[in-house]
Amino acid sequence: LNVGPSTVETLSWENVGTADTLLPSGHQINKSEL
């Protein structure tokens, strides 16, 4: 999903329950792997 240290603040437990958007539009994700 290409989310790492730069987005660490948005990746908290509480954020999943409160944020309207976890992965914003325009964000580039990496290639899929199993």
PDB file of all heavy atoms in Angstrom:
ATOM      1  N   LEU A   1       0.823  -1.218   0.000  1.00  0.00           N
ATOM      2  CA  LEU A   1       0.000   0.000   0.000  1.00  0.00           C
ATOM      3  C   LEU A   1       0.855   1.265   0.000  1.00  0.00           C
ATOM      4  O   LEU A   1       0.323   2.377  -0.086  1.00  0.00           O
ATOM      5  CB  LEU A   1      -0.941  -0.004   1.204  1.00  0.00           C
ATOM      6  CG  LEU A   1      -1.985  -1.132   1.228  1.00  0.00           C
ATOM      7  CD1 LEU A   1      -2.741  -1.134   2.551  1.00  0.00           C
ATOM      8  CD2 LEU A   1      -2.961  -1.000   0.059  1.00  0.00           C
ATOM      9  N   ASN A   2       2.199   1.066   0.148  1.00  0.00           N
ATOM     10  CA  ASN A   2       3.137   2.192   0.126  1.00  0.00           C
ATOM     11  C   ASN A   2       2.865   3.178   1.259  1.00  0.00           C
ATOM     12  O   ASN A   2       2.867   4.400   1.067  1.00  0.00           O
ATOM     13  CB  ASN A   2       3.094   2.903  -1.238  1.00  0.00           C
ATOM     14  CG  ASN A   2       4.281   3.829  -1.438  1.00  0.00           C
ATOM     15  OD1 ASN A   2       5.313   3.676  -0.807  1.00  0.00           O
ATOM     16  ND2 ASN A   2       4.116   4.808  -2.322  1.00  0.00           N
ATOM     17  N   VAL A   3       2.596   2.634   2.429  1.00  0.00           N
ATOM     18  CA  VAL A   3       2.449   3.476   3.625  1.00  0.00           C
ATOM     19  C   VAL A   3       3.565   3.082   4.586  1.00  0.00           C
ATOM     20  O   VAL A   3       3.767   1.917   4.879  1.00  0.00           O
ATOM     21  CB  VAL A   3       1.063   3.313   4.288  1.00  0.00           C
ATOM     22  CG1 VAL A   3      -0.014   3.889   3.409  1.00  0.00           C
ATOM     23  CG2 VAL A   3       0.756   1.863   4.623  1.00  0.00           C
ATOM     24  N   GLY A   4       4.323   4.065   5.033  1.00  0.00           N
ATOM     25  CA  GLY A   4       5.465   3.761   5.885  1.00  0.00           C
ATOM     26  C   GLY A   4       5.681   4.835   6.918  1.00  0.00           C
ATOM     27  O   GLY A   4       4.727   5.478   7.368  1.00  0.00           O
ATOM     28  N   PRO A   5       6.944   5.062   7.304  1.00  0.00           N
ATOM     29  CA  PRO A   5       7.268   6.016   8.373  1.00  0.00           C
ATOM     30  C   PRO A   5       6.692   7.414   8.147  1.00  0.00           C
ATOM     31  O   PRO A   5       6.295   8.078   9.099  1.00  0.00           O
ATOM     32  CB  PRO A   5       8.799   6.049   8.358  1.00  0.00           C
ATOM     33  CG  PRO A   5       9.202   4.721   7.789  1.00  0.00           C
ATOM     34  CD  PRO A   5       8.139   4.373   6.802  1.00  0.00           C
ATOM     35  N   SER A   6       6.619   7.849   6.881  1.00  0.00           N
ATOM     36  CA  SER A   6       6.118   9.209   6.612  1.00  0.00           C
ATOM     37  C   SER A   6       4.644   9.353   6.936  1.00  0.00           C
ATOM     38  O   SER A   6       4.147  10.457   7.178  1.00  0.00           O
ATOM     39  CB  SER A   6       6.360   9.584   5.146  1.00  0.00           C
ATOM     40  OG  SER A   6       5.667   8.681   4.293  1.00  0.00           O
ATOM     41  N   THR A   7       3.917   8.217   6.923  1.00  0.00           N
ATOM     42  CA  THR A   7       2.478   8.275   7.223  1.00  0.00           C
ATOM     43  C   THR A   7       2.163   7.587   8.550  1.00  0.00           C
ATOM     44  O   THR A   7       1.035   7.196   8.795  1.00  0.00           O
ATOM     45  CB  THR A   7       1.675   7.589   6.099  1.00  0.00           C
ATOM     46  OG1 THR A   7       2.230   6.283   5.860  1.00  0.00           O
ATOM     47  CG2 THR A   7       1.715   8.378   4.819  1.00  0.00           C
ATOM     48  N   VAL A   8       3.201   7.461   9.399  1.00  0.00           N
ATOM     49  CA  VAL A   8       3.029   6.682  10.624  1.00  0.00           C
ATOM     50  C   VAL A   8       1.954   7.270  11.547  1.00  0.00           C
ATOM     51  O   VAL A   8       1.258   6.543  12.248  1.00  0.00           O
ATOM     52  CB  VAL A   8       4.391   6.535  11.365  1.00  0.00           C
ATOM     53  CG1 VAL A   8       4.842   7.843  12.001  1.00  0.00           C
ATOM     54  CG2 VAL A   8       4.336   5.425  12.387  1.00  0.00           C
ATOM     55  N   GLU A   9       1.801   8.605  11.533  1.00  0.00           N
ATOM     56  CA  GLU A   9       0.797   9.226  12.411  1.00  0.00           C
ATOM     57  C   GLU A   9      -0.616   8.782  12.033  1.00  0.00           C
ATOM     58  O   GLU A   9      -1.491   8.647  12.884  1.00  0.00           O
ATOM     59  CB  GLU A   9       0.880  10.762  12.341  1.00  0.00           C
ATOM     60  CG  GLU A   9       2.141  11.365  12.930  1.00  0.00           C
ATOM     61  CD  GLU A   9       3.330  11.283  11.986  1.00  0.00           C
ATOM     62  OE1 GLU A   9       3.135  10.953  10.798  1.00  0.00           O
ATOM     63  OE2 GLU A   9       4.463  11.528  12.449  1.00  0.00           O
ATOM     64  N   THR A  10      -0.829   8.577  10.738  1.00  0.00           N
ATOM     65  CA  THR A  10      -2.177   8.197  10.297  1.00  0.00           C
ATOM     66  C   THR A  10      -2.433   6.700  10.470  1.00  0.00           C
ATOM     67  O   THR A  10      -3.541   6.244  10.273  1.00  0.00           O
ATOM     68  CB  THR A  10      -2.385   8.562   8.815  1.00  0.00           C
ATOM     69  OG1 THR A  10      -1.478   7.791   8.018  1.00  0.00           O
ATOM     70  CG2 THR A  10      -2.147  10.035   8.574  1.00  0.00           C
ATOM     71  N   LEU A  11      -1.363   5.951  10.817  1.00  0.00           N
ATOM     72  CA  LEU A  11      -1.511   4.503  10.908  1.00  0.00           C
ATOM     73  C   LEU A  11      -1.684   4.018  12.349  1.00  0.00           C
ATOM     74  O   LEU A  11      -1.292   2.914  12.686  1.00  0.00           O
ATOM     75  CB  LEU A  11      -0.289   3.810  10.282  1.00  0.00           C
ATOM     76  CG  LEU A  11      -0.092   4.043   8.784  1.00  0.00           C
ATOM     77  CD1 LEU A  11       1.143   3.321   8.290  1.00  0.00           C
ATOM     78  CD2 LEU A  11      -1.301   3.581   7.994  1.00  0.00           C
ATOM     79  N   SER A  12      -2.258   4.826  13.186  1.00  0.00           N
ATOM     80  CA  SER A  12      -2.478   4.417  14.579  1.00  0.00           C
ATOM     81  C   SER A  12      -3.775   3.616  14.693  1.00  0.00           C
ATOM     82  O   SER A  12      -4.644   3.664  13.819  1.00  0.00           O
ATOM     83  CB  SER A  12      -2.553   5.644  15.490  1.00  0.00           C
ATOM     84  OG  SER A  12      -3.785   6.320  15.286  1.00  0.00           O
ATOM     85  N   TRP A  13      -3.877   2.874  15.778  1.00  0.00           N
ATOM     86  CA  TRP A  13      -5.079   2.068  16.073  1.00  0.00           C
ATOM     87  C   TRP A  13      -6.319   2.956  16.105  1.00  0.00           C
ATOM     88  O   TRP A  13      -7.345   2.642  15.480  1.00  0.00           O
ATOM     89  CB  TRP A  13      -4.865   1.378  17.411  1.00  0.00           C
ATOM     90  CG  TRP A  13      -5.886   0.351  17.779  1.00  0.00           C
ATOM     91  CD1 TRP A  13      -7.069   0.546  18.427  1.00  0.00           C
ATOM     92  CD2 TRP A  13      -5.802  -1.059  17.534  1.00  0.00           C
ATOM     93  NE1 TRP A  13      -7.730  -0.638  18.602  1.00  0.00           N
ATOM     94  CE2 TRP A  13      -6.972  -1.649  18.071  1.00  0.00           C
ATOM     95  CE3 TRP A  13      -4.861  -1.882  16.922  1.00  0.00           C
ATOM     96  CZ2 TRP A  13      -7.208  -3.015  18.007  1.00  0.00           C
ATOM     97  CZ3 TRP A  13      -5.095  -3.248  16.866  1.00  0.00           C
ATOM     98  CH2 TRP A  13      -6.265  -3.801  17.406  1.00  0.00           C
ATOM     99  N   GLU A  14      -6.215   4.079  16.827  1.00  0.00           N
ATOM    100  CA  GLU A  14      -7.370   4.965  17.007  1.00  0.00           C
ATOM    101  C   GLU A  14      -7.803   5.573  15.674  1.00  0.00           C
ATOM    102  O   GLU A  14      -8.992   5.805  15.446  1.00  0.00           O
ATOM    103  CB  GLU A  14      -7.028   6.091  18.004  1.00  0.00           C
ATOM    104  CG  GLU A  14      -6.676   5.604  19.403  1.00  0.00           C
ATOM    105  CD  GLU A  14      -7.792   4.802  20.066  1.00  0.00           C
ATOM    106  OE1 GLU A  14      -8.974   5.025  19.740  1.00  0.00           O
ATOM    107  OE2 GLU A  14      -7.478   3.930  20.902  1.00  0.00           O
ATOM    108  N   ASN A  15      -6.846   5.838  14.800  1.00  0.00           N
ATOM    109  CA  ASN A  15      -7.146   6.499  13.534  1.00  0.00           C
ATOM    110  C   ASN A  15      -8.099   5.681  12.665  1.00  0.00           C
ATOM    111  O   ASN A  15      -8.925   6.234  11.938  1.00  0.00           O
ATOM    112  CB  ASN A  15      -5.840   6.774  12.774  1.00  0.00           C
ATOM    113  CG  ASN A  15      -5.981   7.968  11.852  1.00  0.00           C
ATOM    114  OD1 ASN A  15      -6.464   9.015  12.256  1.00  0.00           O
ATOM    115  ND2 ASN A  15      -5.585   7.797  10.608  1.00  0.00           N
ATOM    116  N   VAL A  16      -7.967   4.350  12.743  1.00  0.00           N
ATOM    117  CA  VAL A  16      -8.863   3.483  11.964  1.00  0.00           C
ATOM    118  C   VAL A  16     -10.312   3.722  12.377  1.00  0.00           C
ATOM    119  O   VAL A  16     -11.231   3.655  11.556  1.00  0.00           O
ATOM    120  CB  VAL A  16      -8.487   1.990  12.142  1.00  0.00           C
ATOM    121  CG1 VAL A  16      -9.425   1.090  11.332  1.00  0.00           C
ATOM    122  CG2 VAL A  16      -7.041   1.739  11.724  1.00  0.00           C
ATOM    123  N   GLY A  17     -10.509   4.022  13.654  1.00  0.00           N
ATOM    124  CA  GLY A  17     -11.869   4.220  14.166  1.00  0.00           C
ATOM    125  C   GLY A  17     -12.413   5.623  14.003  1.00  0.00           C
ATOM    126  O   GLY A  17     -13.612   5.852  14.205  1.00  0.00           O
ATOM    127  N   THR A  18     -11.528   6.575  13.662  1.00  0.00           N
ATOM    128  CA  THR A  18     -11.992   7.978  13.620  1.00  0.00           C
ATOM    129  C   THR A  18     -11.831   8.654  12.256  1.00  0.00           C
ATOM    130  O   THR A  18     -12.640   9.504  11.890  1.00  0.00           O
ATOM    131  CB  THR A  18     -11.222   8.816  14.669  1.00  0.00           C
ATOM    132  OG1 THR A  18      -9.815   8.686  14.426  1.00  0.00           O
ATOM    133  CG2 THR A  18     -11.540   8.353  16.085  1.00  0.00           C
ATOM    134  N   ALA A  19     -10.798   8.291  11.510  1.00  0.00           N
ATOM    135  CA  ALA A  19     -10.517   9.001  10.250  1.00  0.00           C
ATOM    136  C   ALA A  19     -11.506   8.613   9.157  1.00  0.00           C
ATOM    137  O   ALA A  19     -11.877   7.452   9.012  1.00  0.00           O
ATOM    138  CB  ALA A  19      -9.090   8.689   9.789  1.00  0.00           C
ATOM    139  N   ASP A  20     -11.932   9.609   8.370  1.00  0.00           N
ATOM    140  CA  ASP A  20     -12.818   9.335   7.234  1.00  0.00           C
ATOM    141  C   ASP A  20     -12.032   8.713   6.083  1.00  0.00           C
ATOM    142  O   ASP A  20     -12.582   7.960   5.279  1.00  0.00           O
ATOM    143  CB  ASP A  20     -13.493  10.633   6.764  1.00  0.00           C
ATOM    144  CG  ASP A  20     -14.522  11.128   7.779  1.00  0.00           C
ATOM    145  OD1 ASP A  20     -15.145  10.274   8.452  1.00  0.00           O
ATOM    146  OD2 ASP A  20     -14.669  12.354   7.914  1.00  0.00           O
ATOM    147  N   THR A  21     -10.742   9.047   6.001  1.00  0.00           N
ATOM    148  CA  THR A  21      -9.892   8.516   4.932  1.00  0.00           C
ATOM    149  C   THR A  21      -8.577   8.015   5.522  1.00  0.00           C
ATOM    150  O   THR A  21      -7.882   8.765   6.215  1.00  0.00           O
ATOM    151  CB  THR A  21      -9.589   9.602   3.876  1.00  0.00           C
ATOM    152  OG1 THR A  21     -10.824  10.073   3.328  1.00  0.00           O
ATOM    153  CG2 THR A  21      -8.716   9.043   2.761  1.00  0.00           C
ATOM    154  N   LEU A  22      -8.250   6.764   5.251  1.00  0.00           N
ATOM    155  CA  LEU A  22      -6.974   6.194   5.687  1.00  0.00           C
ATOM    156  C   LEU A  22      -5.939   6.238   4.570  1.00  0.00           C
ATOM    157  O   LEU A  22      -4.751   6.410   4.813  1.00  0.00           O
ATOM    158  CB  LEU A  22      -7.168   4.743   6.145  1.00  0.00           C
ATOM    159  CG  LEU A  22      -8.045   4.519   7.375  1.00  0.00           C
ATOM    160  CD1 LEU A  22      -8.289   3.026   7.596  1.00  0.00           C
ATOM    161  CD2 LEU A  22      -7.409   5.136   8.618  1.00  0.00           C
ATOM    162  N   LEU A  23      -6.405   6.065   3.328  1.00  0.00           N
ATOM    163  CA  LEU A  23      -5.524   6.080   2.159  1.00  0.00           C
ATOM    164  C   LEU A  23      -6.100   7.101   1.174  1.00  0.00           C
ATOM    165  O   LEU A  23      -7.140   6.848   0.562  1.00  0.00           O
ATOM    166  CB  LEU A  23      -5.466   4.672   1.538  1.00  0.00           C
ATOM    167  CG  LEU A  23      -4.232   4.352   0.684  1.00  0.00           C
ATOM    168  CD1 LEU A  23      -2.964   4.372   1.539  1.00  0.00           C
ATOM    169  CD2 LEU A  23      -4.372   2.989   0.024  1.00  0.00           C
ATOM    170  N   PRO A  24      -5.455   8.244   1.012  1.00  0.00           N
ATOM    171  CA  PRO A  24      -6.064   9.335   0.234  1.00  0.00           C
ATOM    172  C   PRO A  24      -6.051   9.091  -1.276  1.00  0.00           C
ATOM    173  O   PRO A  24      -5.222   8.352  -1.804  1.00  0.00           O
ATOM    174  CB  PRO A  24      -5.190  10.548   0.590  1.00  0.00           C
ATOM    175  CG  PRO A  24      -3.862   9.958   0.952  1.00  0.00           C
ATOM    176  CD  PRO A  24      -4.161   8.633   1.598  1.00  0.00           C
ATOM    177  N   SER A  25      -6.958   9.740  -1.960  1.00  0.00           N
ATOM    178  CA  SER A  25      -6.992   9.710  -3.430  1.00  0.00           C
ATOM    179  C   SER A  25      -5.683  10.274  -3.963  1.00  0.00           C
ATOM    180  O   SER A  25      -5.101  11.192  -3.379  1.00  0.00           O
ATOM    181  CB  SER A  25      -8.151  10.561  -3.952  1.00  0.00           C
ATOM    182  OG  SER A  25      -9.367  10.083  -3.435  1.00  0.00           O
ATOM    183  N   GLY A  26      -5.228   9.696  -5.073  1.00  0.00           N
ATOM    184  CA  GLY A  26      -3.984  10.161  -5.680  1.00  0.00           C
ATOM    185  C   GLY A  26      -2.748   9.457  -5.136  1.00  0.00           C
ATOM    186  O   GLY A  26      -1.650   9.619  -5.670  1.00  0.00           O
ATOM    187  N   HIS A  27      -2.900   8.668  -4.073  1.00  0.00           N
ATOM    188  CA  HIS A  27      -1.764   7.951  -3.478  1.00  0.00           C
ATOM    189  C   HIS A  27      -1.379   6.765  -4.362  1.00  0.00           C
ATOM    190  O   HIS A  27      -2.231   6.010  -4.823  1.00  0.00           O
ATOM    191  CB  HIS A  27      -2.157   7.464  -2.076  1.00  0.00           C
ATOM    192  CG  HIS A  27      -1.089   6.653  -1.392  1.00  0.00           C
ATOM    193  ND1 HIS A  27      -0.064   7.234  -0.699  1.00  0.00           N
ATOM    194  CD2 HIS A  27      -0.892   5.303  -1.314  1.00  0.00           C
ATOM    195  CE1 HIS A  27       0.716   6.290  -0.207  1.00  0.00           C
ATOM    196  NE2 HIS A  27       0.235   5.107  -0.565  1.00  0.00           N
ATOM    197  N   GLN A  28      -0.093   6.606  -4.618  1.00  0.00           N
ATOM    198  CA  GLN A  28       0.409   5.519  -5.465  1.00  0.00           C
ATOM    199  C   GLN A  28       0.716   4.293  -4.603  1.00  0.00           C
ATOM    200  O   GLN A  28       1.484   4.377  -3.652  1.00  0.00           O
ATOM    201  CB  GLN A  28       1.681   5.964  -6.184  1.00  0.00           C
ATOM    202  CG  GLN A  28       2.358   4.884  -7.013  1.00  0.00           C
ATOM    203  CD  GLN A  28       1.643   4.604  -8.325  1.00  0.00           C
ATOM    204  OE1 GLN A  28       1.398   5.517  -9.111  1.00  0.00           O
ATOM    205  NE2 GLN A  28       1.298   3.347  -8.568  1.00  0.00           N
ATOM    206  N   ILE A  29       0.108   3.161  -4.956  1.00  0.00           N
ATOM    207  CA  ILE A  29       0.441   1.920  -4.253  1.00  0.00           C
ATOM    208  C   ILE A  29       1.429   1.113  -5.092  1.00  0.00           C
ATOM    209  O   ILE A  29       1.586   1.338  -6.283  1.00  0.00           O
ATOM    210  CB  ILE A  29      -0.807   1.072  -3.910  1.00  0.00           C
ATOM    211  CG1 ILE A  29      -1.441   0.467  -5.175  1.00  0.00           C
ATOM    212  CG2 ILE A  29      -1.823   1.884  -3.116  1.00  0.00           C
ATOM    213  CD1 ILE A  29      -2.512  -0.588  -4.880  1.00  0.00           C
ATOM    214  N   ASN A  30       2.106   0.179  -4.430  1.00  0.00           N
ATOM    215  CA  ASN A  30       3.097  -0.652  -5.117  1.00  0.00           C
ATOM    216  C   ASN A  30       2.443  -1.876  -5.750  1.00  0.00           C
ATOM    217  O   ASN A  30       1.251  -2.132  -5.557  1.00  0.00           O
ATOM    218  CB  ASN A  30       4.192  -1.076  -4.143  1.00  0.00           C
ATOM    219  CG  ASN A  30       5.046   0.100  -3.698  1.00  0.00           C
ATOM    220  OD1 ASN A  30       5.378   0.969  -4.499  1.00  0.00           O
ATOM    221  ND2 ASN A  30       5.388   0.140  -2.414  1.00  0.00           N
ATOM    222  N   LYS A  31       3.257  -2.621  -6.476  1.00  0.00           N
ATOM    223  CA  LYS A  31       2.760  -3.828  -7.143  1.00  0.00           C
ATOM    224  C   LYS A  31       2.230  -4.837  -6.131  1.00  0.00           C
ATOM    225  O   LYS A  31       2.750  -4.957  -5.018  1.00  0.00           O
ATOM    226  CB  LYS A  31       3.870  -4.478  -7.970  1.00  0.00           C
ATOM    227  CG  LYS A  31       4.218  -3.740  -9.255  1.00  0.00           C
ATOM    228  CD  LYS A  31       3.135  -3.923 -10.300  1.00  0.00           C
ATOM    229  CE  LYS A  31       3.510  -3.245 -11.623  1.00  0.00           C
ATOM    230  NZ  LYS A  31       2.399  -3.309 -12.578  1.00  0.00           N
ATOM    231  N   SER A  32       1.239  -5.584  -6.557  1.00  0.00           N
ATOM    232  CA  SER A  32       0.653  -6.613  -5.704  1.00  0.00           C
ATOM    233  C   SER A  32       1.611  -7.792  -5.549  1.00  0.00           C
ATOM    234  O   SER A  32       2.391  -8.097  -6.453  1.00  0.00           O
ATOM    235  CB  SER A  32      -0.661  -7.111  -6.301  1.00  0.00           C
ATOM    236  OG  SER A  32      -1.197  -8.140  -5.514  1.00  0.00           O
ATOM    237  N   GLU A  33       1.579  -8.424  -4.387  1.00  0.00           N
ATOM    238  CA  GLU A  33       2.282  -9.690  -4.168  1.00  0.00           C
ATOM    239  C   GLU A  33       1.421 -10.546  -3.243  1.00  0.00           C
ATOM    240  O   GLU A  33       0.643 -10.023  -2.446  1.00  0.00           O
ATOM    241  CB  GLU A  33       3.676  -9.473  -3.570  1.00  0.00           C
ATOM    242  CG  GLU A  33       3.684  -8.762  -2.228  1.00  0.00           C
ATOM    243  CD  GLU A  33       5.090  -8.660  -1.635  1.00  0.00           C
ATOM    244  OE1 GLU A  33       5.710  -9.715  -1.417  1.00  0.00           O
ATOM    245  OE2 GLU A  33       5.538  -7.528  -1.364  1.00  0.00           O
ATOM    246  N   LEU A  34       1.552 -11.855  -3.381  1.00  0.00           N
ATOM    247  CA  LEU A  34       0.733 -12.742  -2.559  1.00  0.00           C
ATOM    248  C   LEU A  34       1.196 -12.687  -1.107  1.00  0.00           C
ATOM    249  O   LEU A  34       2.386 -12.828  -0.824  1.00  0.00           O
ATOM    250  CB  LEU A  34       0.810 -14.181  -3.083  1.00  0.00           C
ATOM    251  CG  LEU A  34       0.146 -14.446  -4.443  1.00  0.00           C
ATOM    252  CD1 LEU A  34       0.347 -15.900  -4.839  1.00  0.00           C
ATOM    253  CD2 LEU A  34      -1.347 -14.105  -4.400  1.00  0.00           C
TER     254      LEU A  34
END
